[in-house]
PDB file of N, CA and C in Angstrom:
ATOM      1  N   MET A   1       2.672  65.481  -4.748  1.00  0.00           N
ATOM      2  CA  MET A   1       2.822  64.131  -5.228  1.00  0.00           C
ATOM      3  C   MET A   1       3.174  64.168  -6.720  1.00  0.00           C
ATOM      4  N   ALA A   2       4.157  63.406  -7.102  1.00  0.00           N
ATOM      5  CA  ALA A   2       4.603  63.377  -8.498  1.00  0.00           C
ATOM      6  C   ALA A   2       4.121  62.097  -9.174  1.00  0.00           C
ATOM      7  N   CYS A   3       3.905  62.186 -10.477  1.00  0.00           N
ATOM      8  CA  CYS A   3       3.528  61.007 -11.247  1.00  0.00           C
ATOM      9  C   CYS A   3       4.140  61.136 -12.645  1.00  0.00           C
ATOM     10  N   TRP A   4       4.167  60.029 -13.362  1.00  0.00           N
ATOM     11  CA  TRP A   4       4.688  60.009 -14.719  1.00  0.00           C
ATOM     12  C   TRP A   4       3.514  60.085 -15.685  1.00  0.00           C
ATOM     13  N   ALA A   5       3.636  60.934 -16.684  1.00  0.00           N
ATOM     14  CA  ALA A   5       2.594  61.092 -17.694  1.00  0.00           C
ATOM     15  C   ALA A   5       3.231  60.999 -19.073  1.00  0.00           C
ATOM     16  N   THR A   6       2.436  60.580 -20.048  1.00  0.00           N
ATOM     17  CA  THR A   6       2.956  60.557 -21.421  1.00  0.00           C
ATOM     18  C   THR A   6       2.764  61.933 -22.036  1.00  0.00           C
ATOM     19  N   THR A   7       3.720  62.297 -22.852  1.00  0.00           N
ATOM     20  CA  THR A   7       3.681  63.583 -23.537  1.00  0.00           C
ATOM     21  C   THR A   7       3.904  63.333 -25.015  1.00  0.00           C
ATOM     22  N   GLN A   8       2.973  63.804 -25.835  1.00  0.00           N
ATOM     23  CA  GLN A   8       3.138  63.657 -27.278  1.00  0.00           C
ATOM     24  C   GLN A   8       4.003  64.797 -27.772  1.00  0.00           C
ATOM     25  N   ILE A   9       5.015  64.448 -28.553  1.00  0.00           N
ATOM     26  CA  ILE A   9       5.932  65.461 -29.064  1.00  0.00           C
ATOM     27  C   ILE A   9       5.950  65.428 -30.591  1.00  0.00           C
ATOM     28  N   LYS A  10       6.477  66.465 -31.162  1.00  0.00           N
ATOM     29  CA  LYS A  10       6.527  66.552 -32.619  1.00  0.00           C
ATOM     30  C   LYS A  10       7.424  65.456 -33.180  1.00  0.00           C
ATOM     31  N   PRO A  11       7.112  64.953 -34.372  1.00  0.00           N
ATOM     32  CA  PRO A  11       7.925  63.892 -34.970  1.00  0.00           C
ATOM     33  C   PRO A  11       9.389  64.297 -35.109  1.00  0.00           C
ATOM     34  N   ARG A  12      10.270  63.401 -34.693  1.00  0.00           N
ATOM     35  CA  ARG A  12      11.716  63.579 -34.752  1.00  0.00           C
ATOM     36  C   ARG A  12      12.201  64.824 -34.009  1.00  0.00           C
ATOM     37  N   ARG A  13      11.498  65.233 -32.987  1.00  0.00           N
ATOM     38  CA  ARG A  13      11.884  66.400 -32.191  1.00  0.00           C
ATOM     39  C   ARG A  13      12.101  66.015 -30.725  1.00  0.00           C
ATOM     40  N   GLU A  14      12.455  64.757 -30.486  1.00  0.00           N
ATOM     41  CA  GLU A  14      12.642  64.278 -29.120  1.00  0.00           C
ATOM     42  C   GLU A  14      13.724  65.065 -28.392  1.00  0.00           C
ATOM     43  N   ARG A  15      14.823  65.325 -29.076  1.00  0.00           N
ATOM     44  CA  ARG A  15      15.933  66.038 -28.431  1.00  0.00           C
ATOM     45  C   ARG A  15      15.548  67.472 -28.073  1.00  0.00           C
ATOM     46  N   VAL A  16      14.845  68.154 -28.964  1.00  0.00           N
ATOM     47  CA  VAL A  16      14.433  69.536 -28.700  1.00  0.00           C
ATOM     48  C   VAL A  16      13.482  69.581 -27.517  1.00  0.00           C
ATOM     49  N   ALA A  17      12.477  68.714 -27.537  1.00  0.00           N
ATOM     50  CA  ALA A  17      11.507  68.682 -26.442  1.00  0.00           C
ATOM     51  C   ALA A  17      12.200  68.336 -25.129  1.00  0.00           C
ATOM     52  N   LYS A  18      13.098  67.360 -25.156  1.00  0.00           N
ATOM     53  CA  LYS A  18      13.814  66.965 -23.941  1.00  0.00           C
ATOM     54  C   LYS A  18      14.636  68.132 -23.402  1.00  0.00           C
ATOM     55  N   TYR A  19      15.321  68.838 -24.272  1.00  0.00           N
ATOM     56  CA  TYR A  19      16.151  69.966 -23.840  1.00  0.00           C
ATOM     57  C   TYR A  19      15.309  71.035 -23.140  1.00  0.00           C
ATOM     58  N   PHE A  20      14.220  71.461 -23.775  1.00  0.00           N
ATOM     59  CA  PHE A  20      13.420  72.537 -23.207  1.00  0.00           C
ATOM     60  C   PHE A  20      12.664  72.099 -21.955  1.00  0.00           C
ATOM     61  N   LEU A  21      12.210  70.871 -21.905  1.00  0.00           N
ATOM     62  CA  LEU A  21      11.537  70.407 -20.696  1.00  0.00           C
ATOM     63  C   LEU A  21      12.507  70.302 -19.530  1.00  0.00           C
ATOM     64  N   GLU A  22      13.739  69.860 -19.788  1.00  0.00           N
ATOM     65  CA  GLU A  22      14.737  69.780 -18.721  1.00  0.00           C
ATOM     66  C   GLU A  22      15.164  71.163 -18.241  1.00  0.00           C
ATOM     67  N   GLN A  23      15.092  72.166 -19.107  1.00  0.00           N
ATOM     68  CA  GLN A  23      15.418  73.527 -18.691  1.00  0.00           C
ATOM     69  C   GLN A  23      14.447  74.044 -17.622  1.00  0.00           C
ATOM     70  N   PHE A  24      13.229  73.500 -17.605  1.00  0.00           N
ATOM     71  CA  PHE A  24      12.224  73.896 -16.626  1.00  0.00           C
ATOM     72  C   PHE A  24      12.036  72.836 -15.548  1.00  0.00           C
ATOM     73  N   ASP A  25      13.081  72.045 -15.316  1.00  0.00           N
ATOM     74  CA  ASP A  25      13.144  71.067 -14.213  1.00  0.00           C
ATOM     75  C   ASP A  25      12.120  69.945 -14.290  1.00  0.00           C
ATOM     76  N   PHE A  26      11.721  69.557 -15.489  1.00  0.00           N
ATOM     77  CA  PHE A  26      10.907  68.366 -15.659  1.00  0.00           C
ATOM     78  C   PHE A  26      11.844  67.193 -15.921  1.00  0.00           C
ATOM     79  N   GLN A  27      11.559  66.048 -15.325  1.00  0.00           N
ATOM     80  CA  GLN A  27      12.332  64.846 -15.619  1.00  0.00           C
ATOM     81  C   GLN A  27      11.704  64.180 -16.833  1.00  0.00           C
ATOM     82  N   ILE A  28      12.549  63.801 -17.787  1.00  0.00           N
ATOM     83  CA  ILE A  28      12.095  63.215 -19.043  1.00  0.00           C
ATOM     84  C   ILE A  28      12.710  61.846 -19.212  1.00  0.00           C
ATOM     85  N   TYR A  29      11.915  60.918 -19.760  1.00  0.00           N
ATOM     86  CA  TYR A  29      12.431  59.596 -20.083  1.00  0.00           C
ATOM     87  C   TYR A  29      11.965  59.239 -21.491  1.00  0.00           C
ATOM     88  N   VAL A  30      12.921  59.053 -22.378  1.00  0.00           N
ATOM     89  CA  VAL A  30      12.643  58.629 -23.753  1.00  0.00           C
ATOM     90  C   VAL A  30      13.275  57.258 -23.924  1.00  0.00           C
ATOM     91  N   PRO A  31      12.489  56.182 -23.797  1.00  0.00           N
ATOM     92  CA  PRO A  31      13.077  54.849 -23.954  1.00  0.00           C
ATOM     93  C   PRO A  31      13.536  54.623 -25.393  1.00  0.00           C
ATOM     94  N   ARG A  32      14.702  54.052 -25.522  1.00  0.00           N
ATOM     95  CA  ARG A  32      15.278  53.789 -26.847  1.00  0.00           C
ATOM     96  C   ARG A  32      15.566  52.300 -27.006  1.00  0.00           C
ATOM     97  N   ILE A  33      15.621  51.872 -28.256  1.00  0.00           N
ATOM     98  CA  ILE A  33      15.903  50.475 -28.572  1.00  0.00           C
ATOM     99  C   ILE A  33      17.016  50.445 -29.611  1.00  0.00           C
ATOM    100  N   ARG A  34      17.884  49.443 -29.484  1.00  0.00           N
ATOM    101  CA  ARG A  34      18.975  49.293 -30.461  1.00  0.00           C
ATOM    102  C   ARG A  34      18.430  48.643 -31.723  1.00  0.00           C
ATOM    103  N   ARG A  35      18.855  49.185 -32.839  1.00  0.00           N
ATOM    104  CA  ARG A  35      18.449  48.651 -34.124  1.00  0.00           C
ATOM    105  C   ARG A  35      19.705  48.533 -34.974  1.00  0.00           C
ATOM    106  N   TYR A  36      19.829  47.449 -35.674  1.00  0.00           N
ATOM    107  CA  TYR A  36      21.001  47.210 -36.517  1.00  0.00           C
ATOM    108  C   TYR A  36      20.587  47.234 -37.978  1.00  0.00           C
ATOM    109  N   GLN A  37      21.473  47.781 -38.785  1.00  0.00           N
ATOM    110  CA  GLN A  37      21.212  47.854 -40.211  1.00  0.00           C
ATOM    111  C   GLN A  37      22.536  47.665 -40.947  1.00  0.00           C
ATOM    112  N   ILE A  38      22.477  47.072 -42.113  1.00  0.00           N
ATOM    113  CA  ILE A  38      23.668  46.866 -42.929  1.00  0.00           C
ATOM    114  C   ILE A  38      23.796  48.045 -43.894  1.00  0.00           C
ATOM    115  N   ARG A  39      24.930  48.732 -43.796  1.00  0.00           N
ATOM    116  CA  ARG A  39      25.216  49.841 -44.705  1.00  0.00           C
ATOM    117  C   ARG A  39      26.640  49.696 -45.198  1.00  0.00           C
ATOM    118  N   TYR A  40      26.782  49.702 -46.498  1.00  0.00           N
ATOM    119  CA  TYR A  40      28.094  49.572 -47.125  1.00  0.00           C
ATOM    120  C   TYR A  40      28.851  48.359 -46.585  1.00  0.00           C
ATOM    121  N   HIS A  41      28.160  47.231 -46.492  1.00  0.00           N
ATOM    122  CA  HIS A  41      28.723  45.954 -46.061  1.00  0.00           C
ATOM    123  C   HIS A  41      29.205  45.984 -44.609  1.00  0.00           C
ATOM    124  N   ARG A  42      28.685  46.891 -43.828  1.00  0.00           N
ATOM    125  CA  ARG A  42      29.029  46.973 -42.408  1.00  0.00           C
ATOM    126  C   ARG A  42      27.745  47.029 -41.593  1.00  0.00           C
ATOM    127  N   ARG A  43      27.817  46.446 -40.438  1.00  0.00           N
ATOM    128  CA  ARG A  43      26.671  46.465 -39.529  1.00  0.00           C
ATOM    129  C   ARG A  43      26.742  47.743 -38.682  1.00  0.00           C
ATOM    130  N   VAL A  44      25.702  48.553 -38.778  1.00  0.00           N
ATOM    131  CA  VAL A  44      25.654  49.836 -38.076  1.00  0.00           C
ATOM    132  C   VAL A  44      24.559  49.782 -37.018  1.00  0.00           C
ATOM    133  N   GLU A  45      24.863  50.279 -35.829  1.00  0.00           N
ATOM    134  CA  GLU A  45      23.908  50.277 -34.725  1.00  0.00           C
ATOM    135  C   GLU A  45      23.261  51.654 -34.592  1.00  0.00           C
ATOM    136  N   PHE A  46      21.939  51.675 -34.427  1.00  0.00           N
ATOM    137  CA  PHE A  46      21.188  52.902 -34.217  1.00  0.00           C
ATOM    138  C   PHE A  46      20.406  52.782 -32.919  1.00  0.00           C
ATOM    139  N   LEU A  47      20.241  53.879 -32.228  1.00  0.00           N
ATOM    140  CA  LEU A  47      19.351  53.943 -31.081  1.00  0.00           C
ATOM    141  C   LEU A  47      18.136  54.745 -31.513  1.00  0.00           C
ATOM    142  N   THR A  48      17.000  54.076 -31.616  1.00  0.00           N
ATOM    143  CA  THR A  48      15.777  54.747 -32.038  1.00  0.00           C
ATOM    144  C   THR A  48      14.776  54.740 -30.897  1.00  0.00           C
ATOM    145  N   PRO A  49      13.889  55.728 -30.843  1.00  0.00           N
ATOM    146  CA  PRO A  49      12.887  55.766 -29.778  1.00  0.00           C
ATOM    147  C   PRO A  49      11.972  54.543 -29.831  1.00  0.00           C
ATOM    148  N   LEU A  50      11.685  53.987 -28.676  1.00  0.00           N
ATOM    149  CA  LEU A  50      10.791  52.837 -28.588  1.00  0.00           C
ATOM    150  C   LEU A  50       9.365  53.240 -28.940  1.00  0.00           C
ATOM    151  N   PHE A  51       8.971  54.433 -28.524  1.00  0.00           N
ATOM    152  CA  PHE A  51       7.649  54.981 -28.835  1.00  0.00           C
ATOM    153  C   PHE A  51       7.847  56.300 -29.581  1.00  0.00           C
ATOM    154  N   PRO A  52       7.994  56.261 -30.910  1.00  0.00           N
ATOM    155  CA  PRO A  52       8.243  57.501 -31.651  1.00  0.00           C
ATOM    156  C   PRO A  52       7.108  58.505 -31.433  1.00  0.00           C
ATOM    157  N   GLY A  53       7.482  59.731 -31.156  1.00  0.00           N
ATOM    158  CA  GLY A  53       6.486  60.769 -30.964  1.00  0.00           C
ATOM    159  C   GLY A  53       5.984  60.904 -29.539  1.00  0.00           C
ATOM    160  N   TYR A  54       6.524  60.106 -28.610  1.00  0.00           N
ATOM    161  CA  TYR A  54       6.081  60.174 -27.217  1.00  0.00           C
ATOM    162  C   TYR A  54       7.277  60.105 -26.274  1.00  0.00           C
ATOM    163  N   CYS A  55       7.130  60.730 -25.126  1.00  0.00           N
ATOM    164  CA  CYS A  55       8.104  60.598 -24.061  1.00  0.00           C
ATOM    165  C   CYS A  55       7.344  60.567 -22.744  1.00  0.00           C
ATOM    166  N   PHE A  56       8.014  60.194 -21.695  1.00  0.00           N
ATOM    167  CA  PHE A  56       7.409  60.163 -20.373  1.00  0.00           C
ATOM    168  C   PHE A  56       7.950  61.350 -19.590  1.00  0.00           C
ATOM    169  N   THR A  57       7.065  62.076 -18.947  1.00  0.00           N
ATOM    170  CA  THR A  57       7.427  63.273 -18.198  1.00  0.00           C
ATOM    171  C   THR A  57       6.969  63.116 -16.757  1.00  0.00           C
ATOM    172  N   ARG A  58       7.887  63.348 -15.839  1.00  0.00           N
ATOM    173  CA  ARG A  58       7.522  63.314 -14.420  1.00  0.00           C
ATOM    174  C   ARG A  58       7.025  64.704 -14.035  1.00  0.00           C
ATOM    175  N   ILE A  59       5.787  64.751 -13.576  1.00  0.00           N
ATOM    176  CA  ILE A  59       5.182  66.035 -13.249  1.00  0.00           C
ATOM    177  C   ILE A  59       4.786  66.085 -11.783  1.00  0.00           C
ATOM    178  N   GLU A  60       4.878  67.261 -11.256  1.00  0.00           N
ATOM    179  CA  GLU A  60       4.380  67.527  -9.914  1.00  0.00           C
ATOM    180  C   GLU A  60       2.927  67.966 -10.076  1.00  0.00           C
ATOM    181  N   LEU A  61       2.269  68.245  -9.059  1.00  0.00           N
ATOM    182  CA  LEU A  61       0.842  68.550  -8.984  1.00  0.00           C
ATOM    183  C   LEU A  61       0.158  69.007 -10.272  1.00  0.00           C
ATOM    184  N   GLN A  62       0.764  69.891 -11.045  1.00  0.00           N
ATOM    185  CA  GLN A  62       0.116  70.416 -12.241  1.00  0.00           C
ATOM    186  C   GLN A  62       0.974  70.140 -13.471  1.00  0.00           C
ATOM    187  N   SER A  63       0.315  69.886 -14.589  1.00  0.00           N
ATOM    188  CA  SER A  63       1.060  69.572 -15.810  1.00  0.00           C
ATOM    189  C   SER A  63       0.936  70.641 -16.880  1.00  0.00           C
ATOM    190  N   HIS A  64       0.295  71.767 -16.584  1.00  0.00           N
ATOM    191  CA  HIS A  64       0.080  72.759 -17.633  1.00  0.00           C
ATOM    192  C   HIS A  64       1.388  73.357 -18.154  1.00  0.00           C
ATOM    193  N   GLY A  65       2.452  73.338 -17.377  1.00  0.00           N
ATOM    194  CA  GLY A  65       3.732  73.863 -17.827  1.00  0.00           C
ATOM    195  C   GLY A  65       4.383  73.016 -18.903  1.00  0.00           C
ATOM    196  N   VAL A  66       4.079  71.742 -18.930  1.00  0.00           N
ATOM    197  CA  VAL A  66       4.660  70.841 -19.935  1.00  0.00           C
ATOM    198  C   VAL A  66       4.125  71.177 -21.315  1.00  0.00           C
ATOM    199  N   ARG A  67       2.870  71.462 -21.410  1.00  0.00           N
ATOM    200  CA  ARG A  67       2.200  71.665 -22.688  1.00  0.00           C
ATOM    201  C   ARG A  67       2.790  72.816 -23.501  1.00  0.00           C
ATOM    202  N   TRP A  68       3.317  73.831 -22.868  1.00  0.00           N
ATOM    203  CA  TRP A  68       3.729  75.032 -23.575  1.00  0.00           C
ATOM    204  C   TRP A  68       5.216  75.089 -23.872  1.00  0.00           C
ATOM    205  N   ARG A  69       5.914  73.981 -23.881  1.00  0.00           N
ATOM    206  CA  ARG A  69       7.337  73.950 -24.203  1.00  0.00           C
ATOM    207  C   ARG A  69       7.526  73.635 -25.688  1.00  0.00           C
ATOM    208  N   PRO A  70       8.585  74.182 -26.317  1.00  0.00           N
ATOM    209  CA  PRO A  70       8.842  73.898 -27.741  1.00  0.00           C
ATOM    210  C   PRO A  70       9.030  72.400 -27.976  1.00  0.00           C
ATOM    211  N   GLY A  71       8.444  71.913 -29.041  1.00  0.00           N
ATOM    212  CA  GLY A  71       8.559  70.514 -29.413  1.00  0.00           C
ATOM    213  C   GLY A  71       7.444  69.641 -28.881  1.00  0.00           C
ATOM    214  N   VAL A  72       6.591  70.162 -28.002  1.00  0.00           N
ATOM    215  CA  VAL A  72       5.509  69.382 -27.392  1.00  0.00           C
ATOM    216  C   VAL A  72       4.205  69.669 -28.119  1.00  0.00           C
ATOM    217  N   ILE A  73       3.454  68.606 -28.430  1.00  0.00           N
ATOM    218  CA  ILE A  73       2.135  68.762 -29.047  1.00  0.00           C
ATOM    219  C   ILE A  73       1.054  68.781 -27.984  1.00  0.00           C
ATOM    220  N   ARG A  74       1.040  67.732 -27.139  1.00  0.00           N
ATOM    221  CA  ARG A  74       0.065  67.689 -26.041  1.00  0.00           C
ATOM    222  C   ARG A  74       0.599  66.850 -24.908  1.00  0.00           C
ATOM    223  N   SER A  75       0.050  67.088 -23.744  1.00  0.00           N
ATOM    224  CA  SER A  75       0.475  66.368 -22.558  1.00  0.00           C
ATOM    225  C   SER A  75      -0.736  65.764 -21.874  1.00  0.00           C
TER     226      SER A  75
END
């Protein structure tokens, strides 16, 4: 049986954690939100994490494999 769990990751290391977790067949979901900012008189769009420092990981029966991937603090 699979379930979704939150995984705390290192600050600004979402991409690294996502890459290494996907290499070991974990499904990862990092919700992002659009943010707009004015820079040099132009409106610039950014996609920032909705929950900085966290991602959702789909795990099968055991989650101990998630904890030991680069970029992960705790699961």
